[in-house]
C-alpha atoms as a PDB file:
ATOM      1  CA  UNK A   1       0.000   0.000   0.000  1.00  0.00           C
ATOM      2  CA  UNK A   2       1.241   3.478  -0.912  1.00  0.00           C
ATOM      3  CA  UNK A   3       2.261   5.473   2.134  1.00  0.00           C
ATOM      4  CA  UNK A   4       0.727   8.511   3.764  1.00  0.00           C
ATOM      5  CA  UNK A   5       1.437  10.559   6.858  1.00  0.00           C
ATOM      6  CA  UNK A   6      -1.270  12.473   8.732  1.00  0.00           C
ATOM      7  CA  UNK A   7      -1.154  14.831  11.718  1.00  0.00           C
ATOM      8  CA  UNK A   8      -3.486  16.550  14.161  1.00  0.00           C
ATOM      9  CA  UNK A   9      -3.143  18.588  17.336  1.00  0.00           C
ATOM     10  CA  UNK A  10      -5.741  17.956  20.023  1.00  0.00           C
ATOM     11  CA  UNK A  11      -5.662  19.274  23.596  1.00  0.00           C
ATOM     12  CA  UNK A  12      -1.891  19.792  23.636  1.00  0.00           C
ATOM     13  CA  UNK A  13      -1.133  16.374  22.124  1.00  0.00           C
ATOM     14  CA  UNK A  14       0.492  16.170  18.712  1.00  0.00           C
ATOM     15  CA  UNK A  15      -0.732  13.062  16.894  1.00  0.00           C
ATOM     16  CA  UNK A  16       1.123  11.722  13.821  1.00  0.00           C
ATOM     17  CA  UNK A  17      -0.197   8.702  11.923  1.00  0.00           C
ATOM     18  CA  UNK A  18       1.643   6.647   9.310  1.00  0.00           C
ATOM     19  CA  UNK A  19      -0.246   4.438   6.865  1.00  0.00           C
ATOM     20  CA  UNK A  20       1.172   1.896   4.419  1.00  0.00           C
ATOM     21  CA  UNK A  21       4.738   1.940   3.111  1.00  0.00           C
ATOM     22  CA  UNK A  22       6.348   5.283   3.916  1.00  0.00           C
ATOM     23  CA  UNK A  23       9.514   6.175   2.025  1.00  0.00           C
ATOM     24  CA  UNK A  24      11.764   9.215   1.742  1.00  0.00           C
ATOM     25  CA  UNK A  25       9.536  10.598  -1.006  1.00  0.00           C
ATOM     26  CA  UNK A  26       6.687  10.970   1.522  1.00  0.00           C
ATOM     27  CA  UNK A  27       8.779  12.736   4.165  1.00  0.00           C
ATOM     28  CA  UNK A  28       8.960  16.365   3.019  1.00  0.00           C
ATOM     29  CA  UNK A  29       5.704  17.301   4.731  1.00  0.00           C
ATOM     30  CA  UNK A  30       6.729  15.417   7.870  1.00  0.00           C
ATOM     31  CA  UNK A  31      10.045  17.226   8.046  1.00  0.00           C
ATOM     32  CA  UNK A  32       8.308  20.598   7.699  1.00  0.00           C
ATOM     33  CA  UNK A  33       5.805  19.595  10.381  1.00  0.00           C
ATOM     34  CA  UNK A  34       8.576  18.554  12.783  1.00  0.00           C
ATOM     35  CA  UNK A  35      10.363  21.868  12.211  1.00  0.00           C
ATOM     36  CA  UNK A  36       7.076  23.664  12.911  1.00  0.00           C
ATOM     37  CA  UNK A  37       6.530  21.683  16.138  1.00  0.00           C
ATOM     38  CA  UNK A  38       9.934  22.488  17.568  1.00  0.00           C
ATOM     39  CA  UNK A  39       9.843  26.144  16.579  1.00  0.00           C
ATOM     40  CA  UNK A  40       8.263  27.300  19.831  1.00  0.00           C
ATOM     41  CA  UNK A  41       4.825  25.665  19.609  1.00  0.00           C
ATOM     42  CA  UNK A  42       3.249  24.233  22.748  1.00  0.00           C
ATOM     43  CA  UNK A  43       2.355  20.576  23.121  1.00  0.00           C
ATOM     44  CA  UNK A  44       2.307  18.207  26.083  1.00  0.00           C
ATOM     45  CA  UNK A  45       3.076  14.998  24.253  1.00  0.00           C
ATOM     46  CA  UNK A  46       3.791  13.590  20.804  1.00  0.00           C
ATOM     47  CA  UNK A  47       2.061  10.364  19.799  1.00  0.00           C
ATOM     48  CA  UNK A  48       3.112   8.435  16.690  1.00  0.00           C
ATOM     49  CA  UNK A  49       0.623   5.848  15.444  1.00  0.00           C
ATOM     50  CA  UNK A  50       2.294   3.105  13.389  1.00  0.00           C
ATOM     51  CA  UNK A  51      -0.482   0.532  13.732  1.00  0.00           C
ATOM     52  CA  UNK A  52      -1.496   0.904  10.062  1.00  0.00           C
ATOM     53  CA  UNK A  53       2.055   1.308   8.765  1.00  0.00           C
ATOM     54  CA  UNK A  54       3.633  -1.539   6.835  1.00  0.00           C
ATOM     55  CA  UNK A  55       7.220  -0.354   6.342  1.00  0.00           C
ATOM     56  CA  UNK A  56       9.154   2.831   7.099  1.00  0.00           C
ATOM     57  CA  UNK A  57      12.395   3.428   5.239  1.00  0.00           C
ATOM     58  CA  UNK A  58      15.457   4.766   7.025  1.00  0.00           C
ATOM     59  CA  UNK A  59      14.592   8.380   6.173  1.00  0.00           C
ATOM     60  CA  UNK A  60      11.184   8.076   7.843  1.00  0.00           C
ATOM     61  CA  UNK A  61      12.856   6.334  10.800  1.00  0.00           C
ATOM     62  CA  UNK A  62      15.438   9.127  10.976  1.00  0.00           C
ATOM     63  CA  UNK A  63      12.715  11.756  11.161  1.00  0.00           C
ATOM     64  CA  UNK A  64      11.094   9.820  14.005  1.00  0.00           C
ATOM     65  CA  UNK A  65      14.498   9.791  15.704  1.00  0.00           C
ATOM     66  CA  UNK A  66      14.571  13.582  15.277  1.00  0.00           C
ATOM     67  CA  UNK A  67      11.220  13.806  17.075  1.00  0.00           C
ATOM     68  CA  UNK A  68      12.571  11.755  19.991  1.00  0.00           C
ATOM     69  CA  UNK A  69      15.802  13.753  20.202  1.00  0.00           C
ATOM     70  CA  UNK A  70      14.084  17.154  20.011  1.00  0.00           C
ATOM     71  CA  UNK A  71      11.260  16.272  22.406  1.00  0.00           C
ATOM     72  CA  UNK A  72      13.707  14.913  24.976  1.00  0.00           C
ATOM     73  CA  UNK A  73      15.836  18.050  24.785  1.00  0.00           C
ATOM     74  CA  UNK A  74      12.786  20.361  25.034  1.00  0.00           C
ATOM     75  CA  UNK A  75      10.609  18.561  27.594  1.00  0.00           C
ATOM     76  CA  UNK A  76      12.696  15.729  29.061  1.00  0.00           C
ATOM     77  CA  UNK A  77       9.956  13.264  28.079  1.00  0.00           C
ATOM     78  CA  UNK A  78       9.775  10.527  25.467  1.00  0.00           C
ATOM     79  CA  UNK A  79       7.215  10.445  22.663  1.00  0.00           C
ATOM     80  CA  UNK A  80       4.806   7.507  22.409  1.00  0.00           C
ATOM     81  CA  UNK A  81       4.560   4.994  19.561  1.00  0.00           C
ATOM     82  CA  UNK A  82       1.474   2.830  19.027  1.00  0.00           C
ATOM     83  CA  UNK A  83       2.590  -0.309  17.190  1.00  0.00           C
ATOM     84  CA  UNK A  84       1.474  -3.794  16.200  1.00  0.00           C
ATOM     85  CA  UNK A  85       3.767  -6.763  16.707  1.00  0.00           C
ATOM     86  CA  UNK A  86       5.387  -7.853  13.460  1.00  0.00           C
ATOM     87  CA  UNK A  87       8.184  -6.911  11.084  1.00  0.00           C
ATOM     88  CA  UNK A  88       7.880  -3.173  11.711  1.00  0.00           C
ATOM     89  CA  UNK A  89       8.119  -3.728  15.475  1.00  0.00           C
ATOM     90  CA  UNK A  90      11.325  -5.721  14.860  1.00  0.00           C
ATOM     91  CA  UNK A  91      12.748  -2.815  12.842  1.00  0.00           C
ATOM     92  CA  UNK A  92      11.756  -0.354  15.567  1.00  0.00           C
ATOM     93  CA  UNK A  93      13.653  -2.453  18.134  1.00  0.00           C
ATOM     94  CA  UNK A  94      16.658  -2.878  15.826  1.00  0.00           C
ATOM     95  CA  UNK A  95      17.148   0.882  15.587  1.00  0.00           C
ATOM     96  CA  UNK A  96      16.793   1.162  19.397  1.00  0.00           C
ATOM     97  CA  UNK A  97      13.576   3.184  19.428  1.00  0.00           C
ATOM     98  CA  UNK A  98      12.589   1.277  22.556  1.00  0.00           C
ATOM     99  CA  UNK A  99      15.249   3.395  24.309  1.00  0.00           C
ATOM    100  CA  UNK A 100      13.879   6.780  23.202  1.00  0.00           C
ATOM    101  CA  UNK A 101      10.131   6.158  22.747  1.00  0.00           C
ATOM    102  CA  UNK A 102       7.459   4.732  25.001  1.00  0.00           C
ATOM    103  CA  UNK A 103       6.140   1.862  22.860  1.00  0.00           C
ATOM    104  CA  UNK A 104       2.582   0.620  23.314  1.00  0.00           C
ATOM    105  CA  UNK A 105       1.514  -2.504  21.424  1.00  0.00           C
ATOM    106  CA  UNK A 106      -1.900  -3.349  19.960  1.00  0.00           C
ATOM    107  CA  UNK A 107      -4.201  -0.790  21.513  1.00  0.00           C
ATOM    108  CA  UNK A 108      -7.699   0.369  20.767  1.00  0.00           C
ATOM    109  CA  UNK A 109      -7.060   4.128  20.867  1.00  0.00           C
ATOM    110  CA  UNK A 110      -9.242   6.586  19.071  1.00  0.00           C
ATOM    111  CA  UNK A 111      -7.666   8.909  16.552  1.00  0.00           C
ATOM    112  CA  UNK A 112      -8.473  12.596  16.199  1.00  0.00           C
ATOM    113  CA  UNK A 113     -11.082  13.509  13.617  1.00  0.00           C
ATOM    114  CA  UNK A 114      -8.958  16.490  12.532  1.00  0.00           C
ATOM    115  CA  UNK A 115      -6.205  14.450  10.856  1.00  0.00           C
ATOM    116  CA  UNK A 116      -4.693  16.252   7.892  1.00  0.00           C
ATOM    117  CA  UNK A 117      -2.330  14.632   5.422  1.00  0.00           C
ATOM    118  CA  UNK A 118       1.247  15.927   5.501  1.00  0.00           C
ATOM    119  CA  UNK A 119       2.070  16.216   1.825  1.00  0.00           C
ATOM    120  CA  UNK A 120       5.549  16.337   0.398  1.00  0.00           C
ATOM    121  CA  UNK A 121       6.262  20.029  -0.006  1.00  0.00           C
ATOM    122  CA  UNK A 122       9.546  19.736  -1.865  1.00  0.00           C
ATOM    123  CA  UNK A 123      10.733  17.752  -4.829  1.00  0.00           C
ATOM    124  CA  UNK A 124      14.050  19.580  -5.132  1.00  0.00           C
ATOM    125  CA  UNK A 125      16.754  16.903  -5.383  1.00  0.00           C
ATOM    126  CA  UNK A 126      19.193  18.771  -3.133  1.00  0.00           C
ATOM    127  CA  UNK A 127      16.572  19.166  -0.387  1.00  0.00           C
ATOM    128  CA  UNK A 128      15.590  15.503  -0.653  1.00  0.00           C
ATOM    129  CA  UNK A 129      19.244  14.409  -0.439  1.00  0.00           C
ATOM    130  CA  UNK A 130      19.821  16.666   2.586  1.00  0.00           C
ATOM    131  CA  UNK A 131      16.680  15.255   4.263  1.00  0.00           C
ATOM    132  CA  UNK A 132      17.979  11.707   3.725  1.00  0.00           C
ATOM    133  CA  UNK A 133      21.438  12.604   5.119  1.00  0.00           C
ATOM    134  CA  UNK A 134      19.978  14.392   8.164  1.00  0.00           C
ATOM    135  CA  UNK A 135      17.596  11.518   8.859  1.00  0.00           C
ATOM    136  CA  UNK A 136      20.458   9.016   8.884  1.00  0.00           C
ATOM    137  CA  UNK A 137      22.469  11.298  11.166  1.00  0.00           C
ATOM    138  CA  UNK A 138      19.512  11.373  13.573  1.00  0.00           C
ATOM    139  CA  UNK A 139      19.446   7.572  13.626  1.00  0.00           C
ATOM    140  CA  UNK A 140      23.211   7.538  14.243  1.00  0.00           C
ATOM    141  CA  UNK A 141      22.816   9.880  17.223  1.00  0.00           C
ATOM    142  CA  UNK A 142      20.588   7.434  19.108  1.00  0.00           C
ATOM    143  CA  UNK A 143      23.406   5.062  20.124  1.00  0.00           C
ATOM    144  CA  UNK A 144      26.782   3.557  19.140  1.00  0.00           C
ATOM    145  CA  UNK A 145      25.287   0.560  17.316  1.00  0.00           C
ATOM    146  CA  UNK A 146      23.257   2.840  15.076  1.00  0.00           C
ATOM    147  CA  UNK A 147      26.299   5.045  14.567  1.00  0.00           C
ATOM    148  CA  UNK A 148      28.210   2.063  13.171  1.00  0.00           C
ATOM    149  CA  UNK A 149      25.210   0.894  11.148  1.00  0.00           C
ATOM    150  CA  UNK A 150      24.586   4.227   9.398  1.00  0.00           C
ATOM    151  CA  UNK A 151      28.103   5.708   9.278  1.00  0.00           C
ATOM    152  CA  UNK A 152      28.934   4.393   5.797  1.00  0.00           C
ATOM    153  CA  UNK A 153      25.705   5.586   4.185  1.00  0.00           C
ATOM    154  CA  UNK A 154      26.001   9.013   5.800  1.00  0.00           C
ATOM    155  CA  UNK A 155      29.588   9.383   4.594  1.00  0.00           C
ATOM    156  CA  UNK A 156      28.684   8.168   1.108  1.00  0.00           C
ATOM    157  CA  UNK A 157      25.824  10.627   0.779  1.00  0.00           C
ATOM    158  CA  UNK A 158      27.731  13.575   2.238  1.00  0.00           C
END
């Protein structure tokens, strides 16, 4: 299934939902939204719903890492991920998100009615390449294992 990313703000909670297979080409709107969130806007928590996501590529994962890093530095709290057990949950563990997110499996939460799709706002090749590089750097910053895992790709793209 083609990927989509949606977002809504409700009662001080920022809610981001991924659906289908999300790749770097879907991430421009997400990156802009993350920049908006951490540019002085108030929120109590960030919730990421991955229950309808099939696969996230490393760029999408890197932007999630950015959320965790920025939220921790601004509020000293961890964002929440809603997730189903399966291949995506194995990937999430492999990149050590269990260390920087609160992960909740298989829940029956309700999603905000105000969800709006975050559309890719840039198709400029240089911006896309920079987004991919920055996303991999964010993954590398999470821990030493990730640093080793993503060092070669970051150097190659730089």
